Amino acid sequence: MFSKPVGIYRGKYEWANEDSPMGGDCSLWVRAATLQLDDGQWQCQVTASNYDVQDALSSPPAALAVRVPPQTPRILYNGSHIMPGQNITVPAGGRATVVCEARYGNPPAYIEWYLGVFH
């Protein structure tokens, strides 16, 4: 994510302690988080109190991971989707490239292969 400031928008980015009697609490609610907009490193910054004073502050970055389940895994053979129950046949001594993909998960899906007969 590129460094871009975010404003306060009801239903998206809101002050967590808007009515807090304690001043200086800039806690933020991120509502309806999406992978495209909100996943990444976040940093709180405070502008200088005056243009000729060097008192601006920045927090260390904090990671926000928006978790998204991957799509259902699918098997591809020579670029074609293999349907459930469909077999792949390769001559003895031959080579085949078979791909298992589970797209769009965050974090990425962990995939394991098992050789055997499953019913």
PDB file of N, CA and C in Angstrom:
ATOM      1  N   MET A   1       0.846  -1.164   0.000  1.00  0.00           N
ATOM      2  CA  MET A   1       0.000   0.000   0.000  1.00  0.00           C
ATOM      3  C   MET A   1       0.894   1.230   0.000  1.00  0.00           C
ATOM      4  N   PHE A   2       0.542   2.209  -0.798  1.00  0.00           N
ATOM      5  CA  PHE A   2       1.280   3.465  -0.822  1.00  0.00           C
ATOM      6  C   PHE A   2       0.837   4.309   0.361  1.00  0.00           C
ATOM      7  N   SER A   3       1.708   5.194   0.800  1.00  0.00           N
ATOM      8  CA  SER A   3       1.377   6.056   1.932  1.00  0.00           C
ATOM      9  C   SER A   3       0.385   7.110   1.489  1.00  0.00           C
ATOM     10  N   LYS A   4      -0.836   6.982   1.975  1.00  0.00           N
ATOM     11  CA  LYS A   4      -1.876   7.954   1.674  1.00  0.00           C
ATOM     12  C   LYS A   4      -2.605   8.282   2.965  1.00  0.00           C
ATOM     13  N   PRO A   5      -2.852   9.544   3.209  1.00  0.00           N
ATOM     14  CA  PRO A   5      -3.630   9.873   4.406  1.00  0.00           C
ATOM     15  C   PRO A   5      -5.081   9.452   4.216  1.00  0.00           C
ATOM     16  N   VAL A   6      -5.738   9.091   5.318  1.00  0.00           N
ATOM     17  CA  VAL A   6      -7.160   8.778   5.274  1.00  0.00           C
ATOM     18  C   VAL A   6      -7.897   9.769   6.152  1.00  0.00           C
ATOM     19  N   GLY A   7      -9.081  10.123   5.722  1.00  0.00           N
ATOM     20  CA  GLY A   7      -9.921  11.022   6.501  1.00  0.00           C
ATOM     21  C   GLY A   7     -10.880  10.225   7.361  1.00  0.00           C
ATOM     22  N   ILE A   8     -11.622  10.920   8.178  1.00  0.00           N
ATOM     23  CA  ILE A   8     -12.633  10.294   9.027  1.00  0.00           C
ATOM     24  C   ILE A   8     -13.936  10.261   8.222  1.00  0.00           C
ATOM     25  N   TYR A   9     -14.421   9.048   7.978  1.00  0.00           N
ATOM     26  CA  TYR A   9     -15.655   8.838   7.215  1.00  0.00           C
ATOM     27  C   TYR A   9     -16.537   7.878   7.988  1.00  0.00           C
ATOM     28  N   ARG A  10     -17.740   8.295   8.344  1.00  0.00           N
ATOM     29  CA  ARG A  10     -18.677   7.428   9.081  1.00  0.00           C
ATOM     30  C   ARG A  10     -18.917   6.141   8.319  1.00  0.00           C
ATOM     31  N   GLY A  11     -18.817   5.023   9.036  1.00  0.00           N
ATOM     32  CA  GLY A  11     -19.038   3.717   8.434  1.00  0.00           C
ATOM     33  C   GLY A  11     -17.786   3.108   7.825  1.00  0.00           C
ATOM     34  N   LYS A  12     -16.695   3.873   7.761  1.00  0.00           N
ATOM     35  CA  LYS A  12     -15.445   3.345   7.199  1.00  0.00           C
ATOM     36  C   LYS A  12     -14.288   3.590   8.166  1.00  0.00           C
ATOM     37  N   TYR A  13     -13.856   4.848   8.300  1.00  0.00           N
ATOM     38  CA  TYR A  13     -12.791   5.208   9.231  1.00  0.00           C
ATOM     39  C   TYR A  13     -13.379   6.174  10.253  1.00  0.00           C
ATOM     40  N   GLU A  14     -13.411   5.731  11.527  1.00  0.00           N
ATOM     41  CA  GLU A  14     -14.030   6.533  12.586  1.00  0.00           C
ATOM     42  C   GLU A  14     -13.103   6.608  13.783  1.00  0.00           C
ATOM     43  N   TRP A  15     -13.195   7.713  14.518  1.00  0.00           N
ATOM     44  CA  TRP A  15     -12.456   7.811  15.769  1.00  0.00           C
ATOM     45  C   TRP A  15     -13.022   6.777  16.731  1.00  0.00           C
ATOM     46  N   ALA A  16     -12.169   5.992  17.362  1.00  0.00           N
ATOM     47  CA  ALA A  16     -12.622   4.960  18.293  1.00  0.00           C
ATOM     48  C   ALA A  16     -13.070   5.576  19.616  1.00  0.00           C
ATOM     49  N   ASN A  17     -12.462   6.680  20.001  1.00  0.00           N
ATOM     50  CA  ASN A  17     -12.769   7.322  21.283  1.00  0.00           C
ATOM     51  C   ASN A  17     -13.147   8.776  21.074  1.00  0.00           C
ATOM     52  N   GLU A  18     -14.087   8.997  20.185  1.00  0.00           N
ATOM     53  CA  GLU A  18     -14.482  10.358  19.817  1.00  0.00           C
ATOM     54  C   GLU A  18     -14.945  11.177  21.025  1.00  0.00           C
ATOM     55  N   ASP A  19     -15.638  10.528  21.948  1.00  0.00           N
ATOM     56  CA  ASP A  19     -16.179  11.243  23.107  1.00  0.00           C
ATOM     57  C   ASP A  19     -15.333  11.073  24.364  1.00  0.00           C
ATOM     58  N   SER A  20     -14.104  10.602  24.190  1.00  0.00           N
ATOM     59  CA  SER A  20     -13.237  10.356  25.331  1.00  0.00           C
ATOM     60  C   SER A  20     -12.843  11.671  25.990  1.00  0.00           C
ATOM     61  N   PRO A  21     -12.893  11.707  27.335  1.00  0.00           N
ATOM     62  CA  PRO A  21     -12.456  12.921  28.028  1.00  0.00           C
ATOM     63  C   PRO A  21     -10.936  13.102  27.959  1.00  0.00           C
ATOM     64  N   MET A  22     -10.216  12.022  27.609  1.00  0.00           N
ATOM     65  CA  MET A  22      -8.756  12.100  27.512  1.00  0.00           C
ATOM     66  C   MET A  22      -8.385  12.665  26.134  1.00  0.00           C
ATOM     67  N   GLY A  23      -7.631  13.737  26.099  1.00  0.00           N
ATOM     68  CA  GLY A  23      -7.189  14.302  24.829  1.00  0.00           C
ATOM     69  C   GLY A  23      -6.035  13.501  24.261  1.00  0.00           C
ATOM     70  N   GLY A  24      -5.868  13.553  22.953  1.00  0.00           N
ATOM     71  CA  GLY A  24      -4.720  12.928  22.317  1.00  0.00           C
ATOM     72  C   GLY A  24      -4.895  11.472  21.936  1.00  0.00           C
ATOM     73  N   ASP A  25      -6.067  10.871  22.206  1.00  0.00           N
ATOM     74  CA  ASP A  25      -6.289   9.481  21.807  1.00  0.00           C
ATOM     75  C   ASP A  25      -6.774   9.484  20.364  1.00  0.00           C
ATOM     76  N   CYS A  26      -5.941   8.996  19.482  1.00  0.00           N
ATOM     77  CA  CYS A  26      -6.272   8.989  18.060  1.00  0.00           C
ATOM     78  C   CYS A  26      -6.591   7.583  17.562  1.00  0.00           C
ATOM     79  N   SER A  27      -7.080   6.722  18.448  1.00  0.00           N
ATOM     80  CA  SER A  27      -7.424   5.363  18.036  1.00  0.00           C
ATOM     81  C   SER A  27      -8.460   5.413  16.932  1.00  0.00           C
ATOM     82  N   LEU A  28      -8.330   4.496  15.985  1.00  0.00           N
ATOM     83  CA  LEU A  28      -9.149   4.517  14.777  1.00  0.00           C
ATOM     84  C   LEU A  28      -9.886   3.199  14.614  1.00  0.00           C
ATOM     85  N   TRP A  29     -11.167   3.265  14.271  1.00  0.00           N
ATOM     86  CA  TRP A  29     -11.932   2.081  13.873  1.00  0.00           C
ATOM     87  C   TRP A  29     -11.848   1.983  12.358  1.00  0.00           C
ATOM     88  N   VAL A  30     -11.512   0.800  11.858  1.00  0.00           N
ATOM     89  CA  VAL A  30     -11.569   0.542  10.419  1.00  0.00           C
ATOM     90  C   VAL A  30     -12.754  -0.384  10.226  1.00  0.00           C
ATOM     91  N   ARG A  31     -13.804   0.125   9.651  1.00  0.00           N
ATOM     92  CA  ARG A  31     -15.042  -0.638   9.494  1.00  0.00           C
ATOM     93  C   ARG A  31     -15.147  -1.168   8.069  1.00  0.00           C
ATOM     94  N   ALA A  32     -15.806  -2.302   7.926  1.00  0.00           N
ATOM     95  CA  ALA A  32     -16.013  -2.922   6.603  1.00  0.00           C
ATOM     96  C   ALA A  32     -14.677  -2.996   5.859  1.00  0.00           C
ATOM     97  N   ALA A  33     -13.662  -3.530   6.537  1.00  0.00           N
ATOM     98  CA  ALA A  33     -12.315  -3.600   5.961  1.00  0.00           C
ATOM     99  C   ALA A  33     -12.317  -4.432   4.679  1.00  0.00           C
ATOM    100  N   THR A  34     -11.564  -3.971   3.698  1.00  0.00           N
ATOM    101  CA  THR A  34     -11.415  -4.705   2.447  1.00  0.00           C
ATOM    102  C   THR A  34      -9.932  -4.915   2.164  1.00  0.00           C
ATOM    103  N   LEU A  35      -9.653  -5.979   1.453  1.00  0.00           N
ATOM    104  CA  LEU A  35      -8.279  -6.299   1.095  1.00  0.00           C
ATOM    105  C   LEU A  35      -7.675  -5.183   0.245  1.00  0.00           C
ATOM    106  N   GLN A  36      -8.431  -4.683  -0.707  1.00  0.00           N
ATOM    107  CA  GLN A  36      -7.907  -3.680  -1.638  1.00  0.00           C
ATOM    108  C   GLN A  36      -7.596  -2.349  -0.965  1.00  0.00           C
ATOM    109  N   LEU A  37      -8.432  -1.917  -0.031  1.00  0.00           N
ATOM    110  CA  LEU A  37      -8.252  -0.593   0.565  1.00  0.00           C
ATOM    111  C   LEU A  37      -7.461  -0.581   1.872  1.00  0.00           C
ATOM    112  N   ASP A  38      -7.594  -1.626   2.674  1.00  0.00           N
ATOM    113  CA  ASP A  38      -7.133  -1.519   4.056  1.00  0.00           C
ATOM    114  C   ASP A  38      -5.982  -2.426   4.458  1.00  0.00           C
ATOM    115  N   ASP A  39      -5.702  -3.460   3.697  1.00  0.00           N
ATOM    116  CA  ASP A  39      -4.633  -4.388   4.040  1.00  0.00           C
ATOM    117  C   ASP A  39      -3.286  -3.709   3.859  1.00  0.00           C
ATOM    118  N   GLY A  40      -2.441  -3.780   4.859  1.00  0.00           N
ATOM    119  CA  GLY A  40      -1.098  -3.211   4.719  1.00  0.00           C
ATOM    120  C   GLY A  40      -0.612  -2.549   5.997  1.00  0.00           C
ATOM    121  N   GLN A  41       0.383  -1.714   5.854  1.00  0.00           N
ATOM    122  CA  GLN A  41       1.020  -1.022   6.969  1.00  0.00           C
ATOM    123  C   GLN A  41       0.309   0.307   7.221  1.00  0.00           C
ATOM    124  N   TRP A  42      -0.064   0.530   8.466  1.00  0.00           N
ATOM    125  CA  TRP A  42      -0.720   1.782   8.868  1.00  0.00           C
ATOM    126  C   TRP A  42       0.208   2.535   9.814  1.00  0.00           C
ATOM    127  N   GLN A  43       0.143   3.854   9.731  1.00  0.00           N
ATOM    128  CA  GLN A  43       0.983   4.697  10.575  1.00  0.00           C
ATOM    129  C   GLN A  43       0.190   5.932  10.991  1.00  0.00           C
ATOM    130  N   CYS A  44       0.314   6.296  12.247  1.00  0.00           N
ATOM    131  CA  CYS A  44      -0.316   7.515  12.757  1.00  0.00           C
ATOM    132  C   CYS A  44       0.711   8.645  12.683  1.00  0.00           C
ATOM    133  N   GLN A  45       0.272   9.770  12.154  1.00  0.00           N
ATOM    134  CA  GLN A  45       1.169  10.928  12.062  1.00  0.00           C
ATOM    135  C   GLN A  45       0.466  12.159  12.634  1.00  0.00           C
ATOM    136  N   VAL A  46       1.241  12.985  13.300  1.00  0.00           N
ATOM    137  CA  VAL A  46       0.728  14.233  13.869  1.00  0.00           C
ATOM    138  C   VAL A  46       1.527  15.368  13.256  1.00  0.00           C
ATOM    139  N   THR A  47       0.820  16.334  12.695  1.00  0.00           N
ATOM    140  CA  THR A  47       1.507  17.466  12.075  1.00  0.00           C
ATOM    141  C   THR A  47       2.113  18.369  13.146  1.00  0.00           C
ATOM    142  N   ALA A  48       3.023  19.186  12.716  1.00  0.00           N
ATOM    143  CA  ALA A  48       3.701  20.108  13.639  1.00  0.00           C
ATOM    144  C   ALA A  48       2.705  21.122  14.197  1.00  0.00           C
ATOM    145  N   SER A  49       2.969  21.583  15.404  1.00  0.00           N
ATOM    146  CA  SER A  49       2.082  22.556  16.047  1.00  0.00           C
ATOM    147  C   SER A  49       2.193  23.939  15.395  1.00  0.00           C
ATOM    148  N   ASN A  50       3.304  24.169  14.700  1.00  0.00           N
ATOM    149  CA  ASN A  50       3.509  25.441  14.024  1.00  0.00           C
ATOM    150  C   ASN A  50       4.500  25.184  12.885  1.00  0.00           C
ATOM    151  N   TYR A  51       4.457  25.972  11.834  1.00  0.00           N
ATOM    152  CA  TYR A  51       5.334  25.729  10.685  1.00  0.00           C
ATOM    153  C   TYR A  51       6.812  25.865  11.010  1.00  0.00           C
ATOM    154  N   ASP A  52       7.156  26.621  12.041  1.00  0.00           N
ATOM    155  CA  ASP A  52       8.571  26.798  12.365  1.00  0.00           C
ATOM    156  C   ASP A  52       9.032  25.953  13.556  1.00  0.00           C
ATOM    157  N   VAL A  53       8.193  24.988  13.978  1.00  0.00           N
ATOM    158  CA  VAL A  53       8.545  24.105  15.088  1.00  0.00           C
ATOM    159  C   VAL A  53       8.658  22.681  14.543  1.00  0.00           C
ATOM    160  N   GLN A  54       9.698  21.996  14.936  1.00  0.00           N
ATOM    161  CA  GLN A  54       9.936  20.637  14.440  1.00  0.00           C
ATOM    162  C   GLN A  54       9.378  19.595  15.412  1.00  0.00           C
ATOM    163  N   ASP A  55       8.077  19.668  15.721  1.00  0.00           N
ATOM    164  CA  ASP A  55       7.517  18.740  16.703  1.00  0.00           C
ATOM    165  C   ASP A  55       6.513  17.761  16.088  1.00  0.00           C
ATOM    166  N   ALA A  56       6.589  17.556  14.790  1.00  0.00           N
ATOM    167  CA  ALA A  56       5.732  16.553  14.158  1.00  0.00           C
ATOM    168  C   ALA A  56       6.135  15.160  14.647  1.00  0.00           C
ATOM    169  N   LEU A  57       5.175  14.240  14.701  1.00  0.00           N
ATOM    170  CA  LEU A  57       5.431  12.889  15.199  1.00  0.00           C
ATOM    171  C   LEU A  57       4.882  11.844  14.245  1.00  0.00           C
ATOM    172  N   SER A  58       5.514  10.664  14.242  1.00  0.00           N
ATOM    173  CA  SER A  58       5.041   9.518  13.470  1.00  0.00           C
ATOM    174  C   SER A  58       5.177   8.271  14.333  1.00  0.00           C
ATOM    175  N   SER A  59       4.148   7.428  14.296  1.00  0.00           N
ATOM    176  CA  SER A  59       4.226   6.160  15.016  1.00  0.00           C
ATOM    177  C   SER A  59       4.984   5.156  14.157  1.00  0.00           C
ATOM    178  N   PRO A  60       5.483   4.090  14.782  1.00  0.00           N
ATOM    179  CA  PRO A  60       6.021   3.005  13.965  1.00  0.00           C
ATOM    180  C   PRO A  60       4.868   2.372  13.181  1.00  0.00           C
ATOM    181  N   PRO A  61       5.139   1.790  12.017  1.00  0.00           N
ATOM    182  CA  PRO A  61       4.062   1.159  11.248  1.00  0.00           C
ATOM    183  C   PRO A  61       3.468  -0.034  11.999  1.00  0.00           C
ATOM    184  N   ALA A  62       2.180  -0.233  11.812  1.00  0.00           N
ATOM    185  CA  ALA A  62       1.465  -1.386  12.360  1.00  0.00           C
ATOM    186  C   ALA A  62       0.777  -2.088  11.199  1.00  0.00           C
ATOM    187  N   ALA A  63       0.872  -3.413  11.172  1.00  0.00           N
ATOM    188  CA  ALA A  63       0.296  -4.176  10.069  1.00  0.00           C
ATOM    189  C   ALA A  63      -1.182  -4.457  10.333  1.00  0.00           C
ATOM    190  N   LEU A  64      -2.006  -4.241   9.325  1.00  0.00           N
ATOM    191  CA  LEU A  64      -3.406  -4.645   9.349  1.00  0.00           C
ATOM    192  C   LEU A  64      -3.566  -5.695   8.263  1.00  0.00           C
ATOM    193  N   ALA A  65      -3.861  -6.920   8.669  1.00  0.00           N
ATOM    194  CA  ALA A  65      -4.052  -8.010   7.717  1.00  0.00           C
ATOM    195  C   ALA A  65      -5.543  -8.278   7.595  1.00  0.00           C
ATOM    196  N   VAL A  66      -6.083  -8.015   6.426  1.00  0.00           N
ATOM    197  CA  VAL A  66      -7.490  -8.303   6.158  1.00  0.00           C
ATOM    198  C   VAL A  66      -7.544  -9.737   5.649  1.00  0.00           C
ATOM    199  N   ARG A  67      -8.122 -10.608   6.455  1.00  0.00           N
ATOM    200  CA  ARG A  67      -8.149 -12.029   6.127  1.00  0.00           C
ATOM    201  C   ARG A  67      -9.317 -12.313   5.189  1.00  0.00           C
ATOM    202  N   VAL A  68      -9.000 -13.021   4.101  1.00  0.00           N
ATOM    203  CA  VAL A  68      -9.986 -13.373   3.087  1.00  0.00           C
ATOM    204  C   VAL A  68      -9.822 -14.848   2.770  1.00  0.00           C
ATOM    205  N   PRO A  69     -10.912 -15.634   2.828  1.00  0.00           N
ATOM    206  CA  PRO A  69     -10.762 -17.051   2.483  1.00  0.00           C
ATOM    207  C   PRO A  69     -10.491 -17.210   0.994  1.00  0.00           C
ATOM    208  N   PRO A  70      -9.682 -18.202   0.633  1.00  0.00           N
ATOM    209  CA  PRO A  70      -9.423 -18.416  -0.798  1.00  0.00           C
ATOM    210  C   PRO A  70     -10.646 -19.017  -1.485  1.00  0.00           C
ATOM    211  N   GLN A  71     -10.650 -18.916  -2.806  1.00  0.00           N
ATOM    212  CA  GLN A  71     -11.676 -19.600  -3.582  1.00  0.00           C
ATOM    213  C   GLN A  71     -11.475 -21.102  -3.415  1.00  0.00           C
ATOM    214  N   THR A  72     -12.487 -21.883  -3.761  1.00  0.00           N
ATOM    215  CA  THR A  72     -12.387 -23.335  -3.693  1.00  0.00           C
ATOM    216  C   THR A  72     -11.219 -23.788  -4.561  1.00  0.00           C
ATOM    217  N   PRO A  73     -10.357 -24.675  -4.039  1.00  0.00           N
ATOM    218  CA  PRO A  73      -9.224 -25.134  -4.849  1.00  0.00           C
ATOM    219  C   PRO A  73      -9.700 -25.863  -6.105  1.00  0.00           C
ATOM    220  N   ARG A  74      -8.904 -25.747  -7.153  1.00  0.00           N
ATOM    221  CA  ARG A  74      -9.213 -26.473  -8.386  1.00  0.00           C
ATOM    222  C   ARG A  74      -7.926 -27.016  -8.980  1.00  0.00           C
ATOM    223  N   ILE A  75      -8.069 -28.100  -9.737  1.00  0.00           N
ATOM    224  CA  ILE A  75      -6.919 -28.750 -10.358  1.00  0.00           C
ATOM    225  C   ILE A  75      -6.945 -28.452 -11.853  1.00  0.00           C
ATOM    226  N   LEU A  76      -5.771 -28.095 -12.365  1.00  0.00           N
ATOM    227  CA  LEU A  76      -5.616 -27.802 -13.792  1.00  0.00           C
ATOM    228  C   LEU A  76      -4.596 -28.760 -14.392  1.00  0.00           C
ATOM    229  N   TYR A  77      -4.899 -29.275 -15.577  1.00  0.00           N
ATOM    230  CA  TYR A  77      -3.979 -30.134 -16.323  1.00  0.00           C
ATOM    231  C   TYR A  77      -3.908 -29.584 -17.733  1.00  0.00           C
ATOM    232  N   ASN A  78      -2.711 -29.205 -18.156  1.00  0.00           N
ATOM    233  CA  ASN A  78      -2.506 -28.553 -19.453  1.00  0.00           C
ATOM    234  C   ASN A  78      -3.417 -27.339 -19.616  1.00  0.00           C
ATOM    235  N   GLY A  79      -3.605 -26.607 -18.537  1.00  0.00           N
ATOM    236  CA  GLY A  79      -4.395 -25.380 -18.580  1.00  0.00           C
ATOM    237  C   GLY A  79      -5.895 -25.585 -18.510  1.00  0.00           C
ATOM    238  N   SER A  80      -6.361 -26.827 -18.494  1.00  0.00           N
ATOM    239  CA  SER A  80      -7.803 -27.094 -18.440  1.00  0.00           C
ATOM    240  C   SER A  80      -8.215 -27.503 -17.030  1.00  0.00           C
ATOM    241  N   HIS A  81      -9.376 -27.016 -16.623  1.00  0.00           N
ATOM    242  CA  HIS A  81      -9.912 -27.336 -15.300  1.00  0.00           C
ATOM    243  C   HIS A  81     -10.374 -28.792 -15.285  1.00  0.00           C
ATOM    244  N   ILE A  82      -9.902 -29.544 -14.305  1.00  0.00           N
ATOM    245  CA  ILE A  82     -10.301 -30.945 -14.135  1.00  0.00           C
ATOM    246  C   ILE A  82     -11.486 -30.966 -13.169  1.00  0.00           C
ATOM    247  N   MET A  83     -12.596 -31.482 -13.631  1.00  0.00           N
ATOM    248  CA  MET A  83     -13.815 -31.533 -12.828  1.00  0.00           C
ATOM    249  C   MET A  83     -13.715 -32.650 -11.785  1.00  0.00           C
ATOM    250  N   PRO A  84     -14.445 -32.531 -10.669  1.00  0.00           N
ATOM    251  CA  PRO A  84     -14.433 -33.588  -9.646  1.00  0.00           C
ATOM    252  C   PRO A  84     -14.824 -34.930 -10.272  1.00  0.00           C
ATOM    253  N   GLY A  85     -14.056 -35.966  -9.934  1.00  0.00           N
ATOM    254  CA  GLY A  85     -14.316 -37.303 -10.463  1.00  0.00           C
ATOM    255  C   GLY A  85     -13.671 -37.579 -11.810  1.00  0.00           C
ATOM    256  N   GLN A  86     -13.156 -36.547 -12.470  1.00  0.00           N
ATOM    257  CA  GLN A  86     -12.491 -36.712 -13.765  1.00  0.00           C
ATOM    258  C   GLN A  86     -11.064 -37.191 -13.531  1.00  0.00           C
ATOM    259  N   ASN A  87     -10.589 -38.098 -14.372  1.00  0.00           N
ATOM    260  CA  ASN A  87      -9.243 -38.651 -14.234  1.00  0.00           C
ATOM    261  C   ASN A  87      -8.253 -37.961 -15.160  1.00  0.00           C
ATOM    262  N   ILE A  88      -6.982 -38.031 -14.763  1.00  0.00           N
ATOM    263  CA  ILE A  88      -5.868 -37.585 -15.609  1.00  0.00           C
ATOM    264  C   ILE A  88      -5.070 -38.839 -15.931  1.00  0.00           C
ATOM    265  N   THR A  89      -4.830 -39.093 -17.209  1.00  0.00           N
ATOM    266  CA  THR A  89      -4.074 -40.278 -17.621  1.00  0.00           C
ATOM    267  C   THR A  89      -2.795 -39.842 -18.302  1.00  0.00           C
ATOM    268  N   VAL A  90      -1.676 -40.411 -17.832  1.00  0.00           N
ATOM    269  CA  VAL A  90      -0.366 -40.108 -18.397  1.00  0.00           C
ATOM    270  C   VAL A  90       0.311 -41.451 -18.689  1.00  0.00           C
ATOM    271  N   PRO A  91       0.892 -41.618 -19.897  1.00  0.00           N
ATOM    272  CA  PRO A  91       1.580 -42.884 -20.206  1.00  0.00           C
ATOM    273  C   PRO A  91       2.726 -43.137 -19.225  1.00  0.00           C
ATOM    274  N   ALA A  92       2.998 -44.404 -18.935  1.00  0.00           N
ATOM    275  CA  ALA A  92       4.096 -44.778 -18.047  1.00  0.00           C
ATOM    276  C   ALA A  92       5.388 -44.147 -18.554  1.00  0.00           C
ATOM    277  N   GLY A  93       6.148 -43.563 -17.656  1.00  0.00           N
ATOM    278  CA  GLY A  93       7.406 -42.905 -18.010  1.00  0.00           C
ATOM    279  C   GLY A  93       7.205 -41.495 -18.539  1.00  0.00           C
ATOM    280  N   GLY A  94       5.956 -41.106 -18.734  1.00  0.00           N
ATOM    281  CA  GLY A  94       5.668 -39.758 -19.259  1.00  0.00           C
ATOM    282  C   GLY A  94       5.708 -38.717 -18.146  1.00  0.00           C
ATOM    283  N   ARG A  95       5.597 -37.480 -18.563  1.00  0.00           N
ATOM    284  CA  ARG A  95       5.597 -36.363 -17.616  1.00  0.00           C
ATOM    285  C   ARG A  95       4.294 -35.592 -17.768  1.00  0.00           C
ATOM    286  N   ALA A  96       3.839 -35.053 -16.674  1.00  0.00           N
ATOM    287  CA  ALA A  96       2.631 -34.226 -16.688  1.00  0.00           C
ATOM    288  C   ALA A  96       2.813 -33.090 -15.696  1.00  0.00           C
ATOM    289  N   THR A  97       2.278 -31.959 -16.044  1.00  0.00           N
ATOM    290  CA  THR A  97       2.263 -30.830 -15.125  1.00  0.00           C
ATOM    291  C   THR A  97       0.826 -30.634 -14.686  1.00  0.00           C
ATOM    292  N   VAL A  98       0.616 -30.834 -13.391  1.00  0.00           N
ATOM    293  CA  VAL A  98      -0.714 -30.690 -12.808  1.00  0.00           C
ATOM    294  C   VAL A  98      -0.619 -29.577 -11.766  1.00  0.00           C
ATOM    295  N   VAL A  99      -1.541 -28.634 -11.841  1.00  0.00           N
ATOM    296  CA  VAL A  99      -1.511 -27.468 -10.962  1.00  0.00           C
ATOM    297  C   VAL A  99      -2.738 -27.481 -10.060  1.00  0.00           C
ATOM    298  N   CYS A 100      -2.521 -27.235  -8.784  1.00  0.00           N
ATOM    299  CA  CYS A 100      -3.616 -27.026  -7.850  1.00  0.00           C
ATOM    300  C   CYS A 100      -3.571 -25.553  -7.474  1.00  0.00           C
ATOM    301  N   GLU A 101      -4.680 -24.856  -7.659  1.00  0.00           N
ATOM    302  CA  GLU A 101      -4.698 -23.437  -7.310  1.00  0.00           C
ATOM    303  C   GLU A 101      -5.897 -23.116  -6.431  1.00  0.00           C
ATOM    304  N   ALA A 102      -5.659 -22.236  -5.503  1.00  0.00           N
ATOM    305  CA  ALA A 102      -6.696 -21.698  -4.628  1.00  0.00           C
ATOM    306  C   ALA A 102      -6.438 -20.197  -4.601  1.00  0.00           C
ATOM    307  N   ARG A 103      -7.127 -19.464  -5.428  1.00  0.00           N
ATOM    308  CA  ARG A 103      -6.833 -18.040  -5.632  1.00  0.00           C
ATOM    309  C   ARG A 103      -7.479 -17.125  -4.605  1.00  0.00           C
ATOM    310  N   TYR A 104      -6.882 -15.951  -4.499  1.00  0.00           N
ATOM    311  CA  TYR A 104      -7.418 -14.766  -3.821  1.00  0.00           C
ATOM    312  C   TYR A 104      -7.457 -14.823  -2.304  1.00  0.00           C
ATOM    313  N   GLY A 105      -6.861 -15.806  -1.670  1.00  0.00           N
ATOM    314  CA  GLY A 105      -6.859 -15.842  -0.215  1.00  0.00           C
ATOM    315  C   GLY A 105      -5.817 -14.900   0.366  1.00  0.00           C
ATOM    316  N   ASN A 106      -6.113 -14.370   1.525  1.00  0.00           N
ATOM    317  CA  ASN A 106      -5.143 -13.566   2.254  1.00  0.00           C
ATOM    318  C   ASN A 106      -5.213 -13.959   3.715  1.00  0.00           C
ATOM    319  N   PRO A 107      -4.185 -14.576   4.269  1.00  0.00           N
ATOM    320  CA  PRO A 107      -2.925 -14.906   3.601  1.00  0.00           C
ATOM    321  C   PRO A 107      -3.131 -15.997   2.553  1.00  0.00           C
ATOM    322  N   PRO A 108      -2.152 -16.192   1.667  1.00  0.00           N
ATOM    323  CA  PRO A 108      -2.290 -17.214   0.628  1.00  0.00           C
ATOM    324  C   PRO A 108      -2.540 -18.596   1.232  1.00  0.00           C
ATOM    325  N   ALA A 109      -3.310 -19.386   0.520  1.00  0.00           N
ATOM    326  CA  ALA A 109      -3.640 -20.734   0.988  1.00  0.00           C
ATOM    327  C   ALA A 109      -2.392 -21.614   1.008  1.00  0.00           C
ATOM    328  N   TYR A 110      -2.338 -22.518   1.980  1.00  0.00           N
ATOM    329  CA  TYR A 110      -1.291 -23.523   2.032  1.00  0.00           C
ATOM    330  C   TYR A 110      -1.861 -24.766   1.359  1.00  0.00           C
ATOM    331  N   ILE A 111      -1.173 -25.279   0.354  1.00  0.00           N
ATOM    332  CA  ILE A 111      -1.678 -26.407  -0.435  1.00  0.00           C
ATOM    333  C   ILE A 111      -0.784 -27.619  -0.222  1.00  0.00           C
ATOM    334  N   GLU A 112      -1.416 -28.768   0.021  1.00  0.00           N
ATOM    335  CA  GLU A 112      -0.698 -30.039   0.134  1.00  0.00           C
ATOM    336  C   GLU A 112      -1.271 -31.002  -0.894  1.00  0.00           C
ATOM    337  N   TRP A 113      -0.409 -31.833  -1.435  1.00  0.00           N
ATOM    338  CA  TRP A 113      -0.824 -32.870  -2.384  1.00  0.00           C
ATOM    339  C   TRP A 113      -0.780 -34.223  -1.695  1.00  0.00           C
ATOM    340  N   TYR A 114      -1.736 -35.080  -2.020  1.00  0.00           N
ATOM    341  CA  TYR A 114      -1.771 -36.448  -1.521  1.00  0.00           C
ATOM    342  C   TYR A 114      -1.980 -37.382  -2.712  1.00  0.00           C
ATOM    343  N   LEU A 115      -1.197 -38.425  -2.802  1.00  0.00           N
ATOM    344  CA  LEU A 115      -1.334 -39.421  -3.849  1.00  0.00           C
ATOM    345  C   LEU A 115      -2.064 -40.618  -3.265  1.00  0.00           C
ATOM    346  N   GLY A 116      -3.143 -40.991  -3.911  1.00  0.00           N
ATOM    347  CA  GLY A 116      -3.919 -42.131  -3.406  1.00  0.00           C
ATOM    348  C   GLY A 116      -5.300 -42.114  -4.023  1.00  0.00           C
ATOM    349  N   VAL A 117      -6.124 -43.042  -3.542  1.00  0.00           N
ATOM    350  CA  VAL A 117      -7.489 -43.137  -4.030  1.00  0.00           C
ATOM    351  C   VAL A 117      -8.403 -42.635  -2.927  1.00  0.00           C
ATOM    352  N   PHE A 118      -9.219 -41.655  -3.237  1.00  0.00           N
ATOM    353  CA  PHE A 118     -10.151 -41.085  -2.271  1.00  0.00           C
ATOM    354  C   PHE A 118     -11.566 -41.270  -2.782  1.00  0.00           C
ATOM    355  N   HIS A 119     -12.451 -41.574  -1.899  1.00  0.00           N
ATOM    356  CA  HIS A 119     -13.856 -41.760  -2.285  1.00  0.00           C
ATOM    357  C   HIS A 119     -14.712 -40.786  -1.528  1.00  0.00           C
TER     358      HIS A 119
END
